[in-house]
């Protein structure tokens, strides 16, 4: 399966706000093919994110903690 086409379709739909017909025209596909690509992209994204949802740990959580502690210390300095 060519995941790059599914990713492009998902980006066009969610971030560019294009309709299925507009995506089909842009990618030179049928509307049904766009629906199929979007369905696969959503399933792939869900499977990719599922371990993080189950564990409750964000990817790169060490980086996140350092940003949080930096933000907290900056807020203390502003007070």
Protein backbone atom coordinates (compact mmCIF):
# COMPACT_ATOMS: atom_id res chain seq x y z
CA UNK A 1 0.00 0.00 0.00
CA UNK A 2 1.25 3.47 -0.90
CA UNK A 3 0.87 5.37 2.36
CA UNK A 4 2.11 8.65 0.89
CA UNK A 5 -1.09 9.00 -1.18
CA UNK A 6 -3.19 8.30 1.91
CA UNK A 7 -1.26 10.93 3.88
CA UNK A 8 -1.68 13.50 1.11
CA UNK A 9 -5.42 12.83 0.95
CA UNK A 10 -5.73 13.18 4.72
CA UNK A 11 -3.78 16.45 4.75
CA UNK A 12 -5.87 17.88 1.92
CA UNK A 13 -9.06 16.91 3.73
CA UNK A 14 -8.24 17.96 7.28
CA UNK A 15 -5.83 20.84 6.91
CA UNK A 16 -6.76 22.31 3.54
CA UNK A 17 -10.49 21.69 3.99
CA UNK A 18 -10.97 20.22 0.53
CA UNK A 19 -14.04 18.17 -0.28
CA UNK A 20 -13.76 14.58 -1.48
CA UNK A 21 -14.47 15.78 -5.01
CA UNK A 22 -11.77 18.47 -4.81
CA UNK A 23 -9.27 15.93 -3.50
CA UNK A 24 -10.24 13.52 -6.27
CA UNK A 25 -9.72 16.23 -8.89
CA UNK A 26 -6.38 17.31 -7.37
CA UNK A 27 -5.03 13.76 -7.09
CA UNK A 28 -6.62 12.59 -10.35
CA UNK A 29 -8.57 9.84 -8.58
CA UNK A 30 -12.20 8.84 -8.24
CA UNK A 31 -14.18 10.01 -5.22
CA UNK A 32 -14.43 6.38 -4.10
CA UNK A 33 -10.63 6.05 -4.24
CA UNK A 34 -10.30 9.18 -2.08
CA UNK A 35 -12.74 7.75 0.46
CA UNK A 36 -10.72 4.54 0.54
CA UNK A 37 -7.43 6.42 0.99
CA UNK A 38 -8.89 8.49 3.82
CA UNK A 39 -10.25 5.41 5.54
CA UNK A 40 -6.86 3.69 5.37
CA UNK A 41 -5.07 6.83 6.55
CA UNK A 42 -7.36 7.10 9.58
CA UNK A 43 -6.85 3.43 10.47
CA UNK A 44 -3.07 3.79 10.10
CA UNK A 45 -3.04 6.93 12.24
CA UNK A 46 -5.16 5.25 14.91
CA UNK A 47 -2.83 2.24 14.97
CA UNK A 48 0.20 4.51 15.15
CA UNK A 49 -1.17 6.52 18.08
CA UNK A 50 -2.81 3.66 20.00
CA UNK A 51 0.31 2.72 22.06
CA UNK A 52 0.58 6.31 23.31
CA UNK A 53 -3.11 6.44 24.19
CA UNK A 54 -2.90 3.15 26.09
CA UNK A 55 0.27 4.05 27.97
CA UNK A 56 -0.68 7.64 28.65
CA UNK A 57 2.84 8.70 27.73
CA UNK A 58 3.41 11.22 24.99
CA UNK A 59 6.10 10.59 22.39
CA UNK A 60 9.32 12.39 23.38
CA UNK A 61 7.94 12.89 26.87
CA UNK A 62 11.41 13.81 28.13
CA UNK A 63 11.41 16.83 25.84
CA UNK A 64 7.89 17.71 27.00
CA UNK A 65 8.94 17.60 30.67
CA UNK A 66 11.86 19.92 30.05
CA UNK A 67 9.57 22.38 28.26
CA UNK A 68 7.06 22.19 31.12
CA UNK A 69 9.68 22.78 33.79
CA UNK A 70 11.17 25.65 31.77
CA UNK A 71 7.74 27.23 31.39
CA UNK A 72 7.07 26.87 35.12
CA UNK A 73 10.36 28.52 36.05
CA UNK A 74 9.68 31.34 33.56
CA UNK A 75 6.28 31.93 35.14
CA UNK A 76 7.85 32.08 38.61
CA UNK A 77 10.32 34.70 37.39
CA UNK A 78 7.50 36.81 35.93
CA UNK A 79 5.68 36.87 39.30
